Amino acid sequence: MENFNKQSFVINIPLERVGVLIGTNGNVKSRIEKELNVSLSIDSKEGVVIITLPSKNDPSKLFRARDIVLAIGRGFSPERAFKLFDENMFLRIIDLESILGKNKNTLKRIKGRIIGAGGKTRRIIEEYTKTFISIYGHTVSIIGDIEGLQIAEEAINKLINGAQHSTVYRFLNEYAHKRKFRKILSY
């Protein structure tokens, strides 16, 4: 999916996401380049994106640009992907095919469990963990701070492994109470 070469990344994104990465009049691509001082070269026929960092720049900007491009490629809107400009926000991608195999019915069933009726489950996970979740193709991607990301991933793994929704909601509720209690103690 990606190769690392001293000062650049080569990433493949789905063709239908290339337009989103470029944006209206190139505004999304330009913002990534300007905010992180990187250069994006996008092959709109193949979905190949080359991210290059000038040699004297902070290498963490290259990784941040890679994560933003990956996030847009995995279905996040640019506005949500731009949360990754913040150095305290991270991206995690769960590849359902590597866990469940390529059976389309199984993938569809598990994605349905994660989304929930009318999007309820995904919304609850996002609210309790203060994360953003995108379910696209055979992946589930999460953007959040490190703690929220870990809890959201654990909730999603519980759903993948067959836990009942009520069990996952209880787990998230307990986490939210602990977080609230820690916040009160910190004052």
N, C-alpha and C. Protein backbone atom coordinates (compact mmCIF):
# COMPACT_ATOMS: atom_id res chain seq x y z
N MET A 1 0.83 -1.20 0.00
CA MET A 1 0.00 0.00 0.00
C MET A 1 0.88 1.26 0.00
N GLU A 2 2.01 1.23 0.70
CA GLU A 2 2.84 2.41 0.74
C GLU A 2 4.31 2.00 0.83
N ASN A 3 5.18 2.83 0.33
CA ASN A 3 6.61 2.60 0.41
C ASN A 3 7.25 3.83 1.02
N PHE A 4 8.27 3.64 1.84
CA PHE A 4 8.96 4.77 2.43
C PHE A 4 10.31 4.91 1.76
N ASN A 5 10.61 6.11 1.34
CA ASN A 5 11.89 6.42 0.75
C ASN A 5 12.36 7.68 1.44
N LYS A 6 13.54 7.74 1.97
CA LYS A 6 14.08 8.81 2.80
C LYS A 6 13.18 10.01 3.03
N GLN A 7 12.82 10.75 1.99
CA GLN A 7 12.07 11.98 2.16
C GLN A 7 10.71 11.93 1.48
N SER A 8 10.18 10.75 1.20
CA SER A 8 8.88 10.70 0.53
C SER A 8 8.13 9.42 0.86
N PHE A 9 6.82 9.48 0.65
CA PHE A 9 5.95 8.31 0.74
C PHE A 9 5.25 8.16 -0.60
N VAL A 10 5.01 6.94 -0.99
CA VAL A 10 4.19 6.63 -2.16
C VAL A 10 2.98 5.86 -1.63
N ILE A 11 1.79 6.40 -1.87
CA ILE A 11 0.56 5.82 -1.31
C ILE A 11 -0.44 5.62 -2.44
N ASN A 12 -1.14 4.51 -2.41
CA ASN A 12 -2.25 4.28 -3.34
C ASN A 12 -3.56 4.56 -2.62
N ILE A 13 -4.42 5.36 -3.24
CA ILE A 13 -5.75 5.58 -2.68
C ILE A 13 -6.77 5.19 -3.75
N PRO A 14 -8.00 4.85 -3.35
CA PRO A 14 -9.03 4.50 -4.34
C PRO A 14 -9.25 5.66 -5.32
N LEU A 15 -9.46 5.31 -6.58
CA LEU A 15 -9.64 6.35 -7.62
C LEU A 15 -10.78 7.29 -7.29
N GLU A 16 -11.88 6.76 -6.70
CA GLU A 16 -13.03 7.62 -6.40
C GLU A 16 -12.73 8.63 -5.29
N ARG A 17 -11.59 8.49 -4.59
CA ARG A 17 -11.22 9.43 -3.53
C ARG A 17 -10.21 10.48 -3.99
N VAL A 18 -9.69 10.32 -5.22
CA VAL A 18 -8.68 11.26 -5.73
C VAL A 18 -9.26 12.68 -5.83
N GLY A 19 -10.47 12.80 -6.33
CA GLY A 19 -11.11 14.12 -6.45
C GLY A 19 -11.28 14.79 -5.10
N VAL A 20 -11.59 14.01 -4.07
CA VAL A 20 -11.74 14.56 -2.72
C VAL A 20 -10.39 15.06 -2.22
N LEU A 21 -9.33 14.31 -2.49
CA LEU A 21 -7.99 14.72 -2.05
C LEU A 21 -7.55 16.00 -2.74
N ILE A 22 -7.91 16.14 -4.01
CA ILE A 22 -7.53 17.36 -4.73
C ILE A 22 -8.40 18.53 -4.26
N GLY A 23 -9.71 18.31 -4.16
CA GLY A 23 -10.63 19.35 -3.72
C GLY A 23 -10.98 20.33 -4.82
N THR A 24 -11.96 21.20 -4.53
CA THR A 24 -12.39 22.21 -5.48
C THR A 24 -11.25 23.17 -5.76
N ASN A 25 -10.91 23.30 -7.02
CA ASN A 25 -9.79 24.15 -7.44
C ASN A 25 -8.48 23.80 -6.72
N GLY A 26 -8.37 22.55 -6.29
CA GLY A 26 -7.13 22.11 -5.65
C GLY A 26 -6.97 22.56 -4.22
N ASN A 27 -8.07 23.02 -3.59
CA ASN A 27 -7.95 23.61 -2.25
C ASN A 27 -7.52 22.63 -1.16
N VAL A 28 -7.93 21.36 -1.24
CA VAL A 28 -7.55 20.38 -0.22
C VAL A 28 -6.06 20.08 -0.34
N LYS A 29 -5.62 19.78 -1.55
CA LYS A 29 -4.19 19.50 -1.81
C LYS A 29 -3.34 20.69 -1.37
N SER A 30 -3.76 21.89 -1.74
CA SER A 30 -3.01 23.10 -1.39
C SER A 30 -2.90 23.29 0.11
N ARG A 31 -3.99 23.03 0.82
CA ARG A 31 -3.95 23.22 2.28
C ARG A 31 -2.97 22.27 2.93
N ILE A 32 -2.97 20.99 2.50
CA ILE A 32 -2.02 20.01 3.06
C ILE A 32 -0.59 20.48 2.77
N GLU A 33 -0.34 20.91 1.53
CA GLU A 33 1.01 21.34 1.15
C GLU A 33 1.44 22.56 1.97
N LYS A 34 0.53 23.50 2.12
CA LYS A 34 0.86 24.74 2.82
C LYS A 34 1.06 24.51 4.32
N GLU A 35 0.13 23.77 4.95
CA GLU A 35 0.20 23.57 6.41
C GLU A 35 1.42 22.75 6.83
N LEU A 36 1.80 21.78 5.98
CA LEU A 36 2.87 20.85 6.38
C LEU A 36 4.16 21.05 5.59
N ASN A 37 4.15 22.00 4.67
CA ASN A 37 5.32 22.28 3.85
C ASN A 37 5.83 21.02 3.15
N VAL A 38 4.89 20.31 2.50
CA VAL A 38 5.21 19.12 1.71
C VAL A 38 4.72 19.35 0.29
N SER A 39 5.11 18.47 -0.60
CA SER A 39 4.63 18.53 -1.98
C SER A 39 3.86 17.25 -2.29
N LEU A 40 2.66 17.39 -2.87
CA LEU A 40 1.87 16.22 -3.25
C LEU A 40 1.83 16.12 -4.76
N SER A 41 2.20 14.96 -5.27
CA SER A 41 2.07 14.68 -6.70
C SER A 41 1.02 13.58 -6.83
N ILE A 42 -0.08 13.87 -7.51
CA ILE A 42 -1.21 12.96 -7.56
C ILE A 42 -1.44 12.48 -8.99
N ASP A 43 -1.39 11.15 -9.18
CA ASP A 43 -1.72 10.55 -10.47
C ASP A 43 -3.19 10.18 -10.42
N SER A 44 -4.03 11.00 -11.05
CA SER A 44 -5.48 10.81 -10.94
C SER A 44 -5.99 9.62 -11.75
N LYS A 45 -5.16 9.04 -12.61
CA LYS A 45 -5.59 7.85 -13.36
C LYS A 45 -5.30 6.56 -12.61
N GLU A 46 -4.28 6.57 -11.76
CA GLU A 46 -3.87 5.36 -11.04
C GLU A 46 -4.16 5.44 -9.53
N GLY A 47 -4.43 6.64 -9.02
CA GLY A 47 -4.65 6.80 -7.58
C GLY A 47 -3.36 6.77 -6.77
N VAL A 48 -2.25 7.06 -7.42
CA VAL A 48 -0.96 7.06 -6.73
C VAL A 48 -0.64 8.48 -6.26
N VAL A 49 -0.27 8.61 -4.99
CA VAL A 49 0.07 9.90 -4.41
C VAL A 49 1.50 9.82 -3.89
N ILE A 50 2.33 10.74 -4.35
CA ILE A 50 3.71 10.83 -3.85
C ILE A 50 3.80 12.08 -2.99
N ILE A 51 4.18 11.88 -1.73
CA ILE A 51 4.31 12.99 -0.79
C ILE A 51 5.80 13.20 -0.58
N THR A 52 6.28 14.40 -0.85
CA THR A 52 7.70 14.69 -0.73
C THR A 52 7.91 15.81 0.28
N LEU A 53 8.95 15.63 1.09
CA LEU A 53 9.30 16.62 2.09
C LEU A 53 10.66 17.21 1.73
N PRO A 54 10.77 18.55 1.65
CA PRO A 54 12.09 19.15 1.43
C PRO A 54 13.04 18.70 2.53
N SER A 55 14.30 18.52 2.22
CA SER A 55 15.26 17.85 3.11
C SER A 55 15.44 18.49 4.47
N LYS A 56 15.27 19.79 4.61
CA LYS A 56 15.54 20.44 5.90
C LYS A 56 14.31 20.54 6.80
N ASN A 57 13.22 19.94 6.42
CA ASN A 57 12.00 20.05 7.21
C ASN A 57 11.89 18.95 8.25
N ASP A 58 11.01 19.20 9.22
CA ASP A 58 10.71 18.25 10.28
C ASP A 58 10.08 16.99 9.66
N PRO A 59 10.70 15.81 9.82
CA PRO A 59 10.16 14.59 9.22
C PRO A 59 8.78 14.21 9.73
N SER A 60 8.40 14.68 10.93
CA SER A 60 7.07 14.34 11.44
C SER A 60 5.97 14.90 10.54
N LYS A 61 6.28 16.00 9.81
CA LYS A 61 5.29 16.57 8.89
C LYS A 61 5.01 15.61 7.74
N LEU A 62 6.01 14.88 7.33
CA LEU A 62 5.82 13.89 6.26
C LEU A 62 4.85 12.80 6.72
N PHE A 63 5.01 12.33 7.95
CA PHE A 63 4.14 11.29 8.49
C PHE A 63 2.71 11.84 8.66
N ARG A 64 2.62 13.10 9.10
CA ARG A 64 1.30 13.72 9.29
C ARG A 64 0.58 13.85 7.93
N ALA A 65 1.33 14.27 6.91
CA ALA A 65 0.75 14.38 5.56
C ALA A 65 0.30 13.01 5.06
N ARG A 66 1.13 11.98 5.31
CA ARG A 66 0.76 10.61 4.91
C ARG A 66 -0.56 10.21 5.56
N ASP A 67 -0.71 10.48 6.87
CA ASP A 67 -1.93 10.09 7.57
C ASP A 67 -3.14 10.85 7.04
N ILE A 68 -2.99 12.12 6.71
CA ILE A 68 -4.12 12.89 6.17
C ILE A 68 -4.53 12.33 4.81
N VAL A 69 -3.56 12.02 3.96
CA VAL A 69 -3.88 11.44 2.64
C VAL A 69 -4.55 10.08 2.82
N LEU A 70 -4.01 9.25 3.72
CA LEU A 70 -4.63 7.94 3.97
C LEU A 70 -6.06 8.10 4.50
N ALA A 71 -6.26 9.05 5.41
CA ALA A 71 -7.59 9.26 5.99
C ALA A 71 -8.60 9.65 4.91
N ILE A 72 -8.21 10.56 4.03
CA ILE A 72 -9.12 10.94 2.93
C ILE A 72 -9.35 9.74 2.03
N GLY A 73 -8.30 8.98 1.77
CA GLY A 73 -8.44 7.77 0.95
C GLY A 73 -9.32 6.72 1.58
N ARG A 74 -9.43 6.72 2.90
CA ARG A 74 -10.27 5.74 3.61
C ARG A 74 -11.65 6.30 3.92
N GLY A 75 -12.05 7.38 3.28
CA GLY A 75 -13.43 7.84 3.33
C GLY A 75 -13.72 9.04 4.22
N PHE A 76 -12.75 9.55 4.94
CA PHE A 76 -13.01 10.74 5.77
C PHE A 76 -13.16 11.98 4.88
N SER A 77 -13.99 12.90 5.30
CA SER A 77 -14.08 14.20 4.63
C SER A 77 -12.77 14.94 4.90
N PRO A 78 -12.37 15.88 4.04
CA PRO A 78 -11.17 16.65 4.33
C PRO A 78 -11.24 17.36 5.68
N GLU A 79 -12.41 17.87 6.06
CA GLU A 79 -12.54 18.58 7.33
C GLU A 79 -12.16 17.68 8.51
N ARG A 80 -12.63 16.44 8.47
CA ARG A 80 -12.29 15.50 9.55
C ARG A 80 -10.83 15.07 9.46
N ALA A 81 -10.34 14.83 8.25
CA ALA A 81 -8.93 14.43 8.07
C ALA A 81 -7.99 15.54 8.55
N PHE A 82 -8.41 16.79 8.40
CA PHE A 82 -7.56 17.92 8.81
C PHE A 82 -7.37 17.97 10.34
N LYS A 83 -8.19 17.21 11.10
CA LYS A 83 -7.95 17.11 12.55
C LYS A 83 -6.54 16.57 12.80
N LEU A 84 -6.01 15.84 11.82
CA LEU A 84 -4.68 15.24 11.96
C LEU A 84 -3.55 16.27 11.84
N PHE A 85 -3.86 17.52 11.52
CA PHE A 85 -2.84 18.57 11.59
C PHE A 85 -2.39 18.74 13.04
N ASP A 86 -3.32 18.48 13.98
CA ASP A 86 -3.01 18.55 15.42
C ASP A 86 -2.11 17.37 15.78
N GLU A 87 -0.96 17.66 16.38
CA GLU A 87 0.00 16.59 16.69
C GLU A 87 -0.48 15.63 17.77
N ASN A 88 -1.60 15.95 18.44
CA ASN A 88 -2.16 15.06 19.45
C ASN A 88 -3.26 14.15 18.90
N MET A 89 -3.48 14.23 17.59
CA MET A 89 -4.50 13.38 16.96
C MET A 89 -3.80 12.35 16.06
N PHE A 90 -4.40 11.15 16.04
CA PHE A 90 -3.78 10.04 15.33
C PHE A 90 -4.81 9.30 14.48
N LEU A 91 -4.29 8.53 13.53
CA LEU A 91 -5.13 7.72 12.64
C LEU A 91 -4.83 6.25 12.88
N ARG A 92 -5.87 5.47 12.98
CA ARG A 92 -5.72 4.01 13.07
C ARG A 92 -6.62 3.40 11.99
N ILE A 93 -6.10 2.47 11.22
CA ILE A 93 -6.87 1.79 10.18
C ILE A 93 -6.93 0.31 10.53
N ILE A 94 -8.14 -0.22 10.66
CA ILE A 94 -8.35 -1.64 10.92
C ILE A 94 -8.76 -2.28 9.61
N ASP A 95 -7.97 -3.24 9.14
CA ASP A 95 -8.28 -3.94 7.89
C ASP A 95 -9.12 -5.17 8.22
N LEU A 96 -10.41 -5.09 7.91
CA LEU A 96 -11.31 -6.19 8.25
C LEU A 96 -10.97 -7.48 7.49
N GLU A 97 -10.47 -7.34 6.26
CA GLU A 97 -10.12 -8.53 5.47
C GLU A 97 -8.99 -9.31 6.14
N SER A 98 -8.06 -8.61 6.77
CA SER A 98 -6.95 -9.33 7.41
C SER A 98 -7.42 -10.06 8.66
N ILE A 99 -8.54 -9.63 9.23
CA ILE A 99 -9.08 -10.28 10.43
C ILE A 99 -10.10 -11.36 10.07
N LEU A 100 -10.97 -11.02 9.10
CA LEU A 100 -12.13 -11.87 8.81
C LEU A 100 -12.03 -12.68 7.51
N GLY A 101 -11.06 -12.34 6.67
CA GLY A 101 -11.00 -12.98 5.36
C GLY A 101 -11.78 -12.17 4.34
N LYS A 102 -11.93 -12.71 3.14
CA LYS A 102 -12.53 -11.94 2.05
C LYS A 102 -14.00 -12.27 1.77
N ASN A 103 -14.62 -13.06 2.63
CA ASN A 103 -16.03 -13.40 2.43
C ASN A 103 -16.88 -12.13 2.52
N LYS A 104 -17.52 -11.76 1.39
CA LYS A 104 -18.27 -10.50 1.32
C LYS A 104 -19.42 -10.45 2.31
N ASN A 105 -20.11 -11.58 2.51
CA ASN A 105 -21.23 -11.58 3.45
C ASN A 105 -20.77 -11.34 4.89
N THR A 106 -19.64 -11.93 5.25
CA THR A 106 -19.10 -11.72 6.60
C THR A 106 -18.68 -10.26 6.78
N LEU A 107 -17.98 -9.71 5.78
CA LEU A 107 -17.55 -8.31 5.87
C LEU A 107 -18.76 -7.38 5.99
N LYS A 108 -19.78 -7.65 5.19
CA LYS A 108 -20.99 -6.81 5.21
C LYS A 108 -21.68 -6.89 6.57
N ARG A 109 -21.75 -8.10 7.13
CA ARG A 109 -22.41 -8.29 8.44
C ARG A 109 -21.64 -7.55 9.55
N ILE A 110 -20.32 -7.66 9.55
CA ILE A 110 -19.52 -7.00 10.59
C ILE A 110 -19.56 -5.49 10.44
N LYS A 111 -19.49 -5.01 9.20
CA LYS A 111 -19.59 -3.55 9.00
C LYS A 111 -20.95 -3.06 9.48
N GLY A 112 -21.99 -3.83 9.23
CA GLY A 112 -23.33 -3.49 9.71
C GLY A 112 -23.39 -3.44 11.23
N ARG A 113 -22.71 -4.37 11.90
CA ARG A 113 -22.68 -4.37 13.37
C ARG A 113 -21.98 -3.12 13.89
N ILE A 114 -20.91 -2.71 13.22
CA ILE A 114 -20.15 -1.53 13.68
C ILE A 114 -20.95 -0.25 13.44
N ILE A 115 -21.65 -0.20 12.32
CA ILE A 115 -22.46 0.99 12.01
C ILE A 115 -23.70 1.02 12.92
N GLY A 116 -24.36 -0.13 13.08
CA GLY A 116 -25.58 -0.20 13.88
C GLY A 116 -26.78 0.34 13.14
N ALA A 117 -27.97 0.10 13.67
CA ALA A 117 -29.22 0.54 13.05
C ALA A 117 -29.24 2.06 12.95
N GLY A 118 -29.37 2.56 11.73
CA GLY A 118 -29.41 4.01 11.53
C GLY A 118 -28.11 4.71 11.94
N GLY A 119 -27.02 3.98 12.03
CA GLY A 119 -25.73 4.59 12.40
C GLY A 119 -25.54 4.76 13.89
N LYS A 120 -26.44 4.15 14.69
CA LYS A 120 -26.44 4.35 16.15
C LYS A 120 -25.13 3.92 16.80
N THR A 121 -24.63 2.74 16.45
CA THR A 121 -23.45 2.22 17.15
C THR A 121 -22.22 3.08 16.85
N ARG A 122 -22.03 3.40 15.58
CA ARG A 122 -20.88 4.25 15.23
C ARG A 122 -20.98 5.60 15.96
N ARG A 123 -22.17 6.18 15.99
CA ARG A 123 -22.37 7.48 16.65
C ARG A 123 -22.04 7.38 18.14
N ILE A 124 -22.48 6.31 18.79
CA ILE A 124 -22.22 6.15 20.23
C ILE A 124 -20.71 6.00 20.48
N ILE A 125 -20.04 5.19 19.65
CA ILE A 125 -18.59 5.03 19.83
C ILE A 125 -17.89 6.39 19.66
N GLU A 126 -18.30 7.14 18.61
CA GLU A 126 -17.69 8.45 18.37
C GLU A 126 -17.93 9.41 19.55
N GLU A 127 -19.15 9.43 20.06
CA GLU A 127 -19.49 10.37 21.14
C GLU A 127 -18.75 10.03 22.43
N TYR A 128 -18.73 8.76 22.79
CA TYR A 128 -18.11 8.38 24.07
C TYR A 128 -16.59 8.49 24.03
N THR A 129 -15.99 8.28 22.86
CA THR A 129 -14.52 8.29 22.77
C THR A 129 -13.98 9.58 22.16
N LYS A 130 -14.90 10.46 21.72
CA LYS A 130 -14.50 11.72 21.07
C LYS A 130 -13.58 11.45 19.88
N THR A 131 -14.02 10.51 19.04
CA THR A 131 -13.27 10.15 17.83
C THR A 131 -14.16 10.33 16.61
N PHE A 132 -13.58 10.16 15.45
CA PHE A 132 -14.32 10.10 14.19
C PHE A 132 -14.04 8.73 13.58
N ILE A 133 -15.09 8.09 13.04
CA ILE A 133 -14.94 6.75 12.48
C ILE A 133 -15.45 6.75 11.05
N SER A 134 -14.68 6.12 10.16
CA SER A 134 -15.09 5.95 8.77
C SER A 134 -15.04 4.47 8.43
N ILE A 135 -16.12 3.97 7.86
CA ILE A 135 -16.18 2.58 7.43
C ILE A 135 -16.25 2.63 5.91
N TYR A 136 -15.18 2.17 5.28
CA TYR A 136 -15.05 2.35 3.83
C TYR A 136 -14.37 1.12 3.25
N GLY A 137 -14.98 0.52 2.23
CA GLY A 137 -14.41 -0.68 1.64
C GLY A 137 -14.28 -1.78 2.68
N HIS A 138 -13.11 -2.32 2.83
CA HIS A 138 -12.89 -3.37 3.82
C HIS A 138 -12.13 -2.86 5.05
N THR A 139 -12.20 -1.54 5.30
CA THR A 139 -11.49 -0.98 6.45
C THR A 139 -12.41 -0.18 7.36
N VAL A 140 -12.00 -0.10 8.61
CA VAL A 140 -12.62 0.81 9.58
C VAL A 140 -11.48 1.70 10.06
N SER A 141 -11.65 3.01 9.92
CA SER A 141 -10.60 3.95 10.29
C SER A 141 -11.09 4.86 11.41
N ILE A 142 -10.17 5.22 12.28
CA ILE A 142 -10.50 6.03 13.45
C ILE A 142 -9.52 7.20 13.53
N ILE A 143 -10.04 8.40 13.81
CA ILE A 143 -9.21 9.57 14.09
C ILE A 143 -9.55 10.02 15.50
N GLY A 144 -8.52 10.20 16.33
CA GLY A 144 -8.76 10.67 17.69
C GLY A 144 -7.47 10.83 18.46
N ASP A 145 -7.60 11.29 19.73
CA ASP A 145 -6.40 11.31 20.57
C ASP A 145 -6.07 9.88 20.96
N ILE A 146 -4.92 9.66 21.55
CA ILE A 146 -4.43 8.30 21.75
C ILE A 146 -5.37 7.47 22.64
N GLU A 147 -5.91 8.08 23.69
CA GLU A 147 -6.79 7.34 24.60
C GLU A 147 -8.12 6.99 23.92
N GLY A 148 -8.73 7.99 23.29
CA GLY A 148 -10.00 7.76 22.60
C GLY A 148 -9.86 6.73 21.49
N LEU A 149 -8.73 6.82 20.79
CA LEU A 149 -8.46 5.89 19.69
C LEU A 149 -8.39 4.45 20.20
N GLN A 150 -7.69 4.25 21.33
CA GLN A 150 -7.55 2.90 21.88
C GLN A 150 -8.89 2.34 22.35
N ILE A 151 -9.70 3.18 22.99
CA ILE A 151 -10.99 2.71 23.48
C ILE A 151 -11.93 2.42 22.31
N ALA A 152 -11.93 3.29 21.29
CA ALA A 152 -12.77 3.06 20.12
C ALA A 152 -12.35 1.76 19.42
N GLU A 153 -11.05 1.54 19.29
CA GLU A 153 -10.57 0.32 18.65
C GLU A 153 -10.99 -0.91 19.45
N GLU A 154 -10.90 -0.81 20.78
CA GLU A 154 -11.30 -1.94 21.61
C GLU A 154 -12.80 -2.24 21.46
N ALA A 155 -13.61 -1.17 21.40
CA ALA A 155 -15.05 -1.36 21.21
C ALA A 155 -15.33 -2.02 19.85
N ILE A 156 -14.64 -1.57 18.82
CA ILE A 156 -14.83 -2.14 17.49
C ILE A 156 -14.38 -3.60 17.46
N ASN A 157 -13.26 -3.89 18.11
CA ASN A 157 -12.80 -5.28 18.16
C ASN A 157 -13.79 -6.17 18.90
N LYS A 158 -14.43 -5.63 19.94
CA LYS A 158 -15.45 -6.41 20.65
C LYS A 158 -16.61 -6.75 19.70
N LEU A 159 -17.02 -5.77 18.88
CA LEU A 159 -18.10 -6.02 17.92
C LEU A 159 -17.67 -7.04 16.87
N ILE A 160 -16.43 -6.92 16.39
CA ILE A 160 -15.91 -7.88 15.40
C ILE A 160 -15.92 -9.29 15.98
N ASN A 161 -15.59 -9.39 17.27
CA ASN A 161 -15.50 -10.71 17.91
C ASN A 161 -16.84 -11.23 18.43
N GLY A 162 -17.92 -10.53 18.11
CA GLY A 162 -19.25 -11.05 18.40
C GLY A 162 -19.90 -10.56 19.68
N ALA A 163 -19.30 -9.60 20.39
CA ALA A 163 -19.93 -9.09 21.60
C ALA A 163 -21.28 -8.44 21.26
N GLN A 164 -22.21 -8.53 22.19
CA GLN A 164 -23.51 -7.90 21.98
C GLN A 164 -23.35 -6.38 22.07
N HIS A 165 -24.21 -5.67 21.35
CA HIS A 165 -24.13 -4.21 21.36
C HIS A 165 -24.28 -3.66 22.79
N SER A 166 -25.17 -4.26 23.58
CA SER A 166 -25.36 -3.77 24.95
C SER A 166 -24.08 -3.90 25.77
N THR A 167 -23.31 -4.94 25.53
CA THR A 167 -22.03 -5.12 26.24
C THR A 167 -21.05 -4.02 25.85
N VAL A 168 -21.00 -3.70 24.56
CA VAL A 168 -20.09 -2.66 24.08
C VAL A 168 -20.54 -1.30 24.61
N TYR A 169 -21.84 -1.03 24.63
CA TYR A 169 -22.33 0.26 25.14
C TYR A 169 -21.98 0.40 26.64
N ARG A 170 -22.11 -0.70 27.39
CA ARG A 170 -21.76 -0.68 28.82
C ARG A 170 -20.26 -0.38 28.99
N PHE A 171 -19.43 -1.02 28.17
CA PHE A 171 -17.98 -0.79 28.20
C PHE A 171 -17.68 0.70 27.94
N LEU A 172 -18.34 1.26 26.93
CA LEU A 172 -18.11 2.68 26.58
C LEU A 172 -18.62 3.60 27.69
N ASN A 173 -19.74 3.25 28.28
CA ASN A 173 -20.30 4.06 29.36
C ASN A 173 -19.37 4.07 30.58
N GLU A 174 -18.81 2.90 30.90
CA GLU A 174 -17.85 2.82 32.02
C GLU A 174 -16.62 3.67 31.73
N TYR A 175 -16.14 3.62 30.49
CA TYR A 175 -14.98 4.43 30.10
C TYR A 175 -15.30 5.92 30.26
N ALA A 176 -16.49 6.33 29.81
CA ALA A 176 -16.87 7.74 29.89
C ALA A 176 -16.94 8.20 31.34
N HIS A 177 -17.46 7.34 32.22
CA HIS A 177 -17.54 7.70 33.64
C HIS A 177 -16.14 7.84 34.24
N LYS A 178 -15.24 6.90 33.91
CA LYS A 178 -13.86 6.98 34.42
C LYS A 178 -13.17 8.24 33.93
N ARG A 179 -13.37 8.57 32.66
CA ARG A 179 -12.75 9.77 32.10
C ARG A 179 -13.28 11.02 32.79
N LYS A 180 -14.60 11.05 33.03
CA LYS A 180 -15.21 12.20 33.69
C LYS A 180 -14.69 12.33 35.12
N PHE A 181 -14.56 11.18 35.81
CA PHE A 181 -14.07 11.18 37.19
C PHE A 181 -12.62 11.69 37.23
N ARG A 182 -11.78 11.23 36.30
CA ARG A 182 -10.38 11.68 36.24
C ARG A 182 -10.32 13.19 36.00
N LYS A 183 -11.22 13.68 35.17
CA LYS A 183 -11.25 15.11 34.85
C LYS A 183 -11.61 15.92 36.09
N ILE A 184 -12.57 15.43 36.86
CA ILE A 184 -12.97 16.12 38.09
C ILE A 184 -11.81 16.14 39.07
N LEU A 185 -11.10 15.01 39.21
CA LEU A 185 -9.98 14.93 40.15
C LEU A 185 -8.82 15.83 39.74
N SER A 186 -8.71 16.10 38.45
CA SER A 186 -7.58 16.92 37.98
C SER A 186 -7.78 18.40 38.28
N TYR A 187 -9.02 18.81 38.67
CA TYR A 187 -9.24 20.22 38.99
C TYR A 187 -8.87 20.55 40.40
